[in-house]
Amino acid sequence: MYILYILRGPKKHLYIGITNNLNERIDRHKRGDGAEFTKRNSTYTVVYTETFETLVEARRREKQIKGWRREKKENLIKFRKPKL
């Protein structure tokens, strides 16, 4: 199973990523391992998740969401609560 997740930083920036172990990935983000977003933003929260059976499906969805305008991403987060 693969998890697409969205993080929100202190200045309302959004980071979209994929993992097969959300807790481990969040721990890595907290240690500053990985994305520049989490290296620059020490405080952030998981605001959205979706699960997928395959990495291909998760990557397709990640690409789709990353192509959206901010308003559409915010509506996704607002109207579909995270599954944590």
PDB file of N, CA and C in Angstrom:
ATOM      1  N   MET A   1       0.838  -1.172   0.000  1.00  0.00           N
ATOM      2  CA  MET A   1       0.000   0.000   0.000  1.00  0.00           C
ATOM      3  C   MET A   1       0.890   1.246   0.000  1.00  0.00           C
ATOM      4  N   TYR A   2       0.480   2.256  -0.760  1.00  0.00           N
ATOM      5  CA  TYR A   2       1.211   3.515  -0.851  1.00  0.00           C
ATOM      6  C   TYR A   2       0.302   4.644  -0.389  1.00  0.00           C
ATOM      7  N   ILE A   3       0.899   5.615   0.262  1.00  0.00           N
ATOM      8  CA  ILE A   3       0.144   6.727   0.833  1.00  0.00           C
ATOM      9  C   ILE A   3       0.609   8.030   0.207  1.00  0.00           C
ATOM     10  N   LEU A   4      -0.330   8.747  -0.359  1.00  0.00           N
ATOM     11  CA  LEU A   4      -0.079  10.110  -0.807  1.00  0.00           C
ATOM     12  C   LEU A   4      -0.425  10.998   0.380  1.00  0.00           C
ATOM     13  N   TYR A   5       0.436  11.945   0.703  1.00  0.00           N
ATOM     14  CA  TYR A   5       0.168  12.808   1.850  1.00  0.00           C
ATOM     15  C   TYR A   5       0.465  14.252   1.498  1.00  0.00           C
ATOM     16  N   ILE A   6      -0.226  15.143   2.187  1.00  0.00           N
ATOM     17  CA  ILE A   6       0.005  16.575   2.031  1.00  0.00           C
ATOM     18  C   ILE A   6       0.355  17.140   3.396  1.00  0.00           C
ATOM     19  N   LEU A   7       1.452  17.887   3.440  1.00  0.00           N
ATOM     20  CA  LEU A   7       1.881  18.580   4.655  1.00  0.00           C
ATOM     21  C   LEU A   7       1.641  20.070   4.471  1.00  0.00           C
ATOM     22  N   ARG A   8       1.304  20.756   5.560  1.00  0.00           N
ATOM     23  CA  ARG A   8       1.186  22.211   5.528  1.00  0.00           C
ATOM     24  C   ARG A   8       2.243  22.788   6.461  1.00  0.00           C
ATOM     25  N   GLY A   9       3.023  23.725   5.935  1.00  0.00           N
ATOM     26  CA  GLY A   9       4.063  24.379   6.718  1.00  0.00           C
ATOM     27  C   GLY A   9       3.539  25.595   7.453  1.00  0.00           C
ATOM     28  N   PRO A  10       4.394  26.221   8.252  1.00  0.00           N
ATOM     29  CA  PRO A  10       3.965  27.353   9.081  1.00  0.00           C
ATOM     30  C   PRO A  10       3.507  28.565   8.281  1.00  0.00           C
ATOM     31  N   LYS A  11       3.976  28.708   7.061  1.00  0.00           N
ATOM     32  CA  LYS A  11       3.561  29.834   6.218  1.00  0.00           C
ATOM     33  C   LYS A  11       2.510  29.400   5.214  1.00  0.00           C
ATOM     34  N   LYS A  12       1.803  28.306   5.532  1.00  0.00           N
ATOM     35  CA  LYS A  12       0.713  27.767   4.715  1.00  0.00           C
ATOM     36  C   LYS A  12       1.178  27.096   3.428  1.00  0.00           C
ATOM     37  N   HIS A  13       2.482  26.904   3.271  1.00  0.00           N
ATOM     38  CA  HIS A  13       2.979  26.177   2.103  1.00  0.00           C
ATOM     39  C   HIS A  13       2.521  24.725   2.175  1.00  0.00           C
ATOM     40  N   LEU A  14       2.318  24.120   1.010  1.00  0.00           N
ATOM     41  CA  LEU A  14       1.909  22.726   0.948  1.00  0.00           C
ATOM     42  C   LEU A  14       3.020  21.890   0.327  1.00  0.00           C
ATOM     43  N   TYR A  15       3.211  20.695   0.874  1.00  0.00           N
ATOM     44  CA  TYR A  15       4.165  19.727   0.335  1.00  0.00           C
ATOM     45  C   TYR A  15       3.387  18.440   0.072  1.00  0.00           C
ATOM     46  N   ILE A  16       3.548  17.879  -1.122  1.00  0.00           N
ATOM     47  CA  ILE A  16       2.857  16.651  -1.491  1.00  0.00           C
ATOM     48  C   ILE A  16       3.895  15.564  -1.713  1.00  0.00           C
ATOM     49  N   GLY A  17       3.702  14.416  -1.080  1.00  0.00           N
ATOM     50  CA  GLY A  17       4.647  13.318  -1.212  1.00  0.00           C
ATOM     51  C   GLY A  17       3.959  11.971  -1.187  1.00  0.00           C
ATOM     52  N   ILE A  18       4.761  10.922  -1.420  1.00  0.00           N
ATOM     53  CA  ILE A  18       4.276   9.543  -1.414  1.00  0.00           C
ATOM     54  C   ILE A  18       5.222   8.705  -0.571  1.00  0.00           C
ATOM     55  N   THR A  19       4.664   7.739   0.132  1.00  0.00           N
ATOM     56  CA  THR A  19       5.460   6.821   0.934  1.00  0.00           C
ATOM     57  C   THR A  19       4.710   5.503   1.094  1.00  0.00           C
ATOM     58  N   ASN A  20       5.426   4.481   1.521  1.00  0.00           N
ATOM     59  CA  ASN A  20       4.738   3.234   1.866  1.00  0.00           C
ATOM     60  C   ASN A  20       4.712   3.040   3.384  1.00  0.00           C
ATOM     61  N   ASN A  21       5.246   4.021   4.128  1.00  0.00           N
ATOM     62  CA  ASN A  21       5.217   3.984   5.595  1.00  0.00           C
ATOM     63  C   ASN A  21       5.165   5.432   6.096  1.00  0.00           C
ATOM     64  N   LEU A  22       3.967   5.915   6.353  1.00  0.00           N
ATOM     65  CA  LEU A  22       3.787   7.327   6.691  1.00  0.00           C
ATOM     66  C   LEU A  22       4.503   7.711   7.983  1.00  0.00           C
ATOM     67  N   ASN A  23       4.391   6.901   9.015  1.00  0.00           N
ATOM     68  CA  ASN A  23       5.048   7.252  10.284  1.00  0.00           C
ATOM     69  C   ASN A  23       6.558   7.370  10.126  1.00  0.00           C
ATOM     70  N   GLU A  24       7.157   6.425   9.422  1.00  0.00           N
ATOM     71  CA  GLU A  24       8.605   6.474   9.198  1.00  0.00           C
ATOM     72  C   GLU A  24       8.981   7.698   8.367  1.00  0.00           C
ATOM     73  N   ARG A  25       8.189   8.001   7.355  1.00  0.00           N
ATOM     74  CA  ARG A  25       8.499   9.151   6.492  1.00  0.00           C
ATOM     75  C   ARG A  25       8.380  10.453   7.260  1.00  0.00           C
ATOM     76  N   ILE A  26       7.377  10.577   8.099  1.00  0.00           N
ATOM     77  CA  ILE A  26       7.224  11.788   8.908  1.00  0.00           C
ATOM     78  C   ILE A  26       8.409  11.925   9.864  1.00  0.00           C
ATOM     79  N   ASP A  27       8.841  10.814  10.461  1.00  0.00           N
ATOM     80  CA  ASP A  27      10.032  10.854  11.329  1.00  0.00           C
ATOM     81  C   ASP A  27      11.246  11.335  10.546  1.00  0.00           C
ATOM     82  N   ARG A  28      11.410  10.853   9.318  1.00  0.00           N
ATOM     83  CA  ARG A  28      12.538  11.293   8.479  1.00  0.00           C
ATOM     84  C   ARG A  28      12.433  12.786   8.177  1.00  0.00           C
ATOM     85  N   HIS A  29      11.224  13.266   7.889  1.00  0.00           N
ATOM     86  CA  HIS A  29      11.035  14.699   7.654  1.00  0.00           C
ATOM     87  C   HIS A  29      11.442  15.486   8.898  1.00  0.00           C
ATOM     88  N   LYS A  30      11.041  15.009  10.068  1.00  0.00           N
ATOM     89  CA  LYS A  30      11.355  15.713  11.312  1.00  0.00           C
ATOM     90  C   LYS A  30      12.859  15.788  11.560  1.00  0.00           C
ATOM     91  N   ARG A  31      13.587  14.771  11.099  1.00  0.00           N
ATOM     92  CA  ARG A  31      15.053  14.760  11.248  1.00  0.00           C
ATOM     93  C   ARG A  31      15.729  15.604  10.159  1.00  0.00           C
ATOM     94  N   GLY A  32      14.943  16.131   9.212  1.00  0.00           N
ATOM     95  CA  GLY A  32      15.520  16.934   8.138  1.00  0.00           C
ATOM     96  C   GLY A  32      16.066  16.095   7.009  1.00  0.00           C
ATOM     97  N   ASP A  33      15.668  14.841   6.957  1.00  0.00           N
ATOM     98  CA  ASP A  33      16.147  13.920   5.928  1.00  0.00           C
ATOM     99  C   ASP A  33      15.156  13.910   4.767  1.00  0.00           C
ATOM    100  N   GLY A  34      15.593  14.413   3.637  1.00  0.00           N
ATOM    101  CA  GLY A  34      14.709  14.362   2.476  1.00  0.00           C
ATOM    102  C   GLY A  34      14.430  15.718   1.889  1.00  0.00           C
ATOM    103  N   ALA A  35      13.172  16.026   1.738  1.00  0.00           N
ATOM    104  CA  ALA A  35      12.708  17.197   1.001  1.00  0.00           C
ATOM    105  C   ALA A  35      13.191  18.517   1.590  1.00  0.00           C
ATOM    106  N   GLU A  36      13.518  19.448   0.699  1.00  0.00           N
ATOM    107  CA  GLU A  36      13.925  20.791   1.117  1.00  0.00           C
ATOM    108  C   GLU A  36      12.818  21.477   1.911  1.00  0.00           C
ATOM    109  N   PHE A  37      11.565  21.180   1.572  1.00  0.00           N
ATOM    110  CA  PHE A  37      10.428  21.779   2.269  1.00  0.00           C
ATOM    111  C   PHE A  37      10.536  21.558   3.766  1.00  0.00           C
ATOM    112  N   THR A  38      10.779  20.325   4.176  1.00  0.00           N
ATOM    113  CA  THR A  38      10.805  20.030   5.602  1.00  0.00           C
ATOM    114  C   THR A  38      12.118  20.435   6.249  1.00  0.00           C
ATOM    115  N   LYS A  39      13.166  20.615   5.458  1.00  0.00           N
ATOM    116  CA  LYS A  39      14.417  21.144   6.015  1.00  0.00           C
ATOM    117  C   LYS A  39      14.237  22.618   6.365  1.00  0.00           C
ATOM    118  N   ARG A  40      13.490  23.340   5.531  1.00  0.00           N
ATOM    119  CA  ARG A  40      13.257  24.770   5.745  1.00  0.00           C
ATOM    120  C   ARG A  40      12.121  25.036   6.732  1.00  0.00           C
ATOM    121  N   ASN A  41      11.202  24.095   6.849  1.00  0.00           N
ATOM    122  CA  ASN A  41      10.014  24.281   7.685  1.00  0.00           C
ATOM    123  C   ASN A  41       9.983  23.207   8.760  1.00  0.00           C
ATOM    124  N   SER A  42      10.469  23.559   9.927  1.00  0.00           N
ATOM    125  CA  SER A  42      10.558  22.546  10.984  1.00  0.00           C
ATOM    126  C   SER A  42       9.194  22.201  11.582  1.00  0.00           C
ATOM    127  N   THR A  43       8.236  23.096  11.440  1.00  0.00           N
ATOM    128  CA  THR A  43       6.898  22.794  11.948  1.00  0.00           C
ATOM    129  C   THR A  43       5.933  22.659  10.787  1.00  0.00           C
ATOM    130  N   TYR A  44       5.272  21.552  10.746  1.00  0.00           N
ATOM    131  CA  TYR A  44       4.290  21.296   9.701  1.00  0.00           C
ATOM    132  C   TYR A  44       3.337  20.235  10.214  1.00  0.00           C
ATOM    133  N   THR A  45       2.207  20.112   9.551  1.00  0.00           N
ATOM    134  CA  THR A  45       1.231  19.109   9.950  1.00  0.00           C
ATOM    135  C   THR A  45       0.749  18.337   8.731  1.00  0.00           C
ATOM    136  N   VAL A  46       0.391  17.089   8.958  1.00  0.00           N
ATOM    137  CA  VAL A  46      -0.221  16.276   7.909  1.00  0.00           C
ATOM    138  C   VAL A  46      -1.673  16.734   7.827  1.00  0.00           C
ATOM    139  N   VAL A  47      -2.087  17.200   6.647  1.00  0.00           N
ATOM    140  CA  VAL A  47      -3.445  17.712   6.502  1.00  0.00           C
ATOM    141  C   VAL A  47      -4.308  16.852   5.585  1.00  0.00           C
ATOM    142  N   TYR A  48      -3.695  15.869   4.928  1.00  0.00           N
ATOM    143  CA  TYR A  48      -4.473  15.052   3.984  1.00  0.00           C
ATOM    144  C   TYR A  48      -3.702  13.784   3.644  1.00  0.00           C
ATOM    145  N   THR A  49      -4.426  12.677   3.479  1.00  0.00           N
ATOM    146  CA  THR A  49      -3.830  11.431   3.006  1.00  0.00           C
ATOM    147  C   THR A  49      -4.801  10.686   2.099  1.00  0.00           C
ATOM    148  N   GLU A  50      -4.258   9.910   1.197  1.00  0.00           N
ATOM    149  CA  GLU A  50      -5.011   8.970   0.361  1.00  0.00           C
ATOM    150  C   GLU A  50      -4.163   7.708   0.251  1.00  0.00           C
ATOM    151  N   THR A  51      -4.797   6.559   0.151  1.00  0.00           N
ATOM    152  CA  THR A  51      -4.049   5.316  -0.004  1.00  0.00           C
ATOM    153  C   THR A  51      -4.301   4.704  -1.379  1.00  0.00           C
ATOM    154  N   PHE A  52      -3.281   3.995  -1.874  1.00  0.00           N
ATOM    155  CA  PHE A  52      -3.321   3.356  -3.189  1.00  0.00           C
ATOM    156  C   PHE A  52      -2.684   1.982  -3.111  1.00  0.00           C
ATOM    157  N   GLU A  53      -3.151   1.084  -3.928  1.00  0.00           N
ATOM    158  CA  GLU A  53      -2.603  -0.272  -3.985  1.00  0.00           C
ATOM    159  C   GLU A  53      -1.237  -0.308  -4.648  1.00  0.00           C
ATOM    160  N   THR A  54      -1.021   0.544  -5.653  1.00  0.00           N
ATOM    161  CA  THR A  54       0.242   0.498  -6.390  1.00  0.00           C
ATOM    162  C   THR A  54       0.927   1.858  -6.408  1.00  0.00           C
ATOM    163  N   LEU A  55       2.227   1.826  -6.590  1.00  0.00           N
ATOM    164  CA  LEU A  55       3.005   3.053  -6.700  1.00  0.00           C
ATOM    165  C   LEU A  55       2.611   3.841  -7.947  1.00  0.00           C
ATOM    166  N   VAL A  56       2.288   3.144  -9.015  1.00  0.00           N
ATOM    167  CA  VAL A  56       1.873   3.808 -10.259  1.00  0.00           C
ATOM    168  C   VAL A  56       0.625   4.665 -10.019  1.00  0.00           C
ATOM    169  N   GLU A  57      -0.346   4.099  -9.317  1.00  0.00           N
ATOM    170  CA  GLU A  57      -1.574   4.848  -9.014  1.00  0.00           C
ATOM    171  C   GLU A  57      -1.275   6.071  -8.138  1.00  0.00           C
ATOM    172  N   ALA A  58      -0.439   5.878  -7.139  1.00  0.00           N
ATOM    173  CA  ALA A  58      -0.091   6.966  -6.224  1.00  0.00           C
ATOM    174  C   ALA A  58       0.640   8.077  -6.966  1.00  0.00           C
ATOM    175  N   ARG A  59       1.581   7.730  -7.821  1.00  0.00           N
ATOM    176  CA  ARG A  59       2.335   8.738  -8.588  1.00  0.00           C
ATOM    177  C   ARG A  59       1.411   9.492  -9.556  1.00  0.00           C
ATOM    178  N   ARG A  60       0.488   8.778 -10.164  1.00  0.00           N
ATOM    179  CA  ARG A  60      -0.462   9.421 -11.073  1.00  0.00           C
ATOM    180  C   ARG A  60      -1.275  10.476 -10.319  1.00  0.00           C
ATOM    181  N   ARG A  61      -1.748  10.112  -9.132  1.00  0.00           N
ATOM    182  CA  ARG A  61      -2.537  11.039  -8.325  1.00  0.00           C
ATOM    183  C   ARG A  61      -1.686  12.209  -7.832  1.00  0.00           C
ATOM    184  N   GLU A  62      -0.445  11.926  -7.439  1.00  0.00           N
ATOM    185  CA  GLU A  62       0.464  12.984  -6.990  1.00  0.00           C
ATOM    186  C   GLU A  62       0.666  14.000  -8.109  1.00  0.00           C
ATOM    187  N   LYS A  63       0.921  13.529  -9.298  1.00  0.00           N
ATOM    188  CA  LYS A  63       1.130  14.418 -10.442  1.00  0.00           C
ATOM    189  C   LYS A  63      -0.119  15.250 -10.713  1.00  0.00           C
ATOM    190  N   GLN A  64      -1.277  14.603 -10.604  1.00  0.00           N
ATOM    191  CA  GLN A  64      -2.537  15.304 -10.830  1.00  0.00           C
ATOM    192  C   GLN A  64      -2.703  16.450  -9.826  1.00  0.00           C
ATOM    193  N   ILE A  65      -2.539  16.140  -8.543  1.00  0.00           N
ATOM    194  CA  ILE A  65      -2.745  17.153  -7.504  1.00  0.00           C
ATOM    195  C   ILE A  65      -1.704  18.266  -7.607  1.00  0.00           C
ATOM    196  N   LYS A  66      -0.459  17.913  -7.894  1.00  0.00           N
ATOM    197  CA  LYS A  66       0.582  18.936  -8.023  1.00  0.00           C
ATOM    198  C   LYS A  66       0.289  19.900  -9.172  1.00  0.00           C
ATOM    199  N   GLY A  67      -0.475  19.456 -10.144  1.00  0.00           N
ATOM    200  CA  GLY A  67      -0.828  20.308 -11.276  1.00  0.00           C
ATOM    201  C   GLY A  67      -1.995  21.251 -11.007  1.00  0.00           C
ATOM    202  N   TRP A  68      -2.648  21.067  -9.871  1.00  0.00           N
ATOM    203  CA  TRP A  68      -3.797  21.896  -9.533  1.00  0.00           C
ATOM    204  C   TRP A  68      -3.378  23.268  -9.007  1.00  0.00           C
ATOM    205  N   ARG A  69      -4.293  24.225  -9.144  1.00  0.00           N
ATOM    206  CA  ARG A  69      -4.113  25.528  -8.500  1.00  0.00           C
ATOM    207  C   ARG A  69      -4.296  25.351  -6.994  1.00  0.00           C
ATOM    208  N   ARG A  70      -3.770  26.275  -6.249  1.00  0.00           N
ATOM    209  CA  ARG A  70      -3.824  26.193  -4.784  1.00  0.00           C
ATOM    210  C   ARG A  70      -5.260  26.068  -4.272  1.00  0.00           C
ATOM    211  N   GLU A  71      -6.176  26.828  -4.845  1.00  0.00           N
ATOM    212  CA  GLU A  71      -7.566  26.804  -4.394  1.00  0.00           C
ATOM    213  C   GLU A  71      -8.150  25.392  -4.465  1.00  0.00           C
ATOM    214  N   LYS A  72      -7.866  24.689  -5.531  1.00  0.00           N
ATOM    215  CA  LYS A  72      -8.385  23.333  -5.686  1.00  0.00           C
ATOM    216  C   LYS A  72      -7.765  22.392  -4.652  1.00  0.00           C
ATOM    217  N   LYS A  73      -6.463  22.559  -4.375  1.00  0.00           N
ATOM    218  CA  LYS A  73      -5.799  21.746  -3.346  1.00  0.00           C
ATOM    219  C   LYS A  73      -6.421  22.020  -1.978  1.00  0.00           C
ATOM    220  N   GLU A  74      -6.672  23.295  -1.684  1.00  0.00           N
ATOM    221  CA  GLU A  74      -7.269  23.658  -0.395  1.00  0.00           C
ATOM    222  C   GLU A  74      -8.673  23.075  -0.265  1.00  0.00           C
ATOM    223  N   ASN A  75      -9.423  23.058  -1.355  1.00  0.00           N
ATOM    224  CA  ASN A  75     -10.762  22.464  -1.313  1.00  0.00           C
ATOM    225  C   ASN A  75     -10.682  20.965  -1.067  1.00  0.00           C
ATOM    226  N   LEU A  76      -9.708  20.303  -1.662  1.00  0.00           N
ATOM    227  CA  LEU A  76      -9.511  18.873  -1.416  1.00  0.00           C
ATOM    228  C   LEU A  76      -9.269  18.628   0.073  1.00  0.00           C
ATOM    229  N   ILE A  77      -8.395  19.420   0.654  1.00  0.00           N
ATOM    230  CA  ILE A  77      -8.062  19.278   2.077  1.00  0.00           C
ATOM    231  C   ILE A  77      -9.283  19.600   2.947  1.00  0.00           C
ATOM    232  N   LYS A  78      -9.968  20.661   2.620  1.00  0.00           N
ATOM    233  CA  LYS A  78     -11.088  21.130   3.444  1.00  0.00           C
ATOM    234  C   LYS A  78     -12.283  20.180   3.426  1.00  0.00           C
ATOM    235  N   PHE A  79     -12.621  19.675   2.262  1.00  0.00           N
ATOM    236  CA  PHE A  79     -13.850  18.902   2.145  1.00  0.00           C
ATOM    237  C   PHE A  79     -13.654  17.395   2.244  1.00  0.00           C
ATOM    238  N   ARG A  80     -12.423  16.965   2.292  1.00  0.00           N
ATOM    239  CA  ARG A  80     -12.149  15.532   2.462  1.00  0.00           C
ATOM    240  C   ARG A  80     -11.105  15.390   3.550  1.00  0.00           C
ATOM    241  N   LYS A  81     -11.557  15.179   4.733  1.00  0.00           N
ATOM    242  CA  LYS A  81     -10.707  15.151   5.917  1.00  0.00           C
ATOM    243  C   LYS A  81      -9.633  14.081   5.810  1.00  0.00           C
ATOM    244  N   PRO A  82      -8.457  14.323   6.419  1.00  0.00           N
ATOM    245  CA  PRO A  82      -7.380  13.344   6.373  1.00  0.00           C
ATOM    246  C   PRO A  82      -7.737  12.035   7.044  1.00  0.00           C
ATOM    247  N   LYS A  83      -7.190  10.964   6.508  1.00  0.00           N
ATOM    248  CA  LYS A  83      -7.373   9.629   7.083  1.00  0.00           C
ATOM    249  C   LYS A  83      -6.076   9.247   7.773  1.00  0.00           C
ATOM    250  N   LEU A  84      -5.946   9.610   9.028  1.00  0.00           N
ATOM    251  CA  LEU A  84      -4.677   9.364   9.738  1.00  0.00           C
ATOM    252  C   LEU A  84      -4.781   8.167  10.644  1.00  0.00           C
TER     253      LEU A  84
END
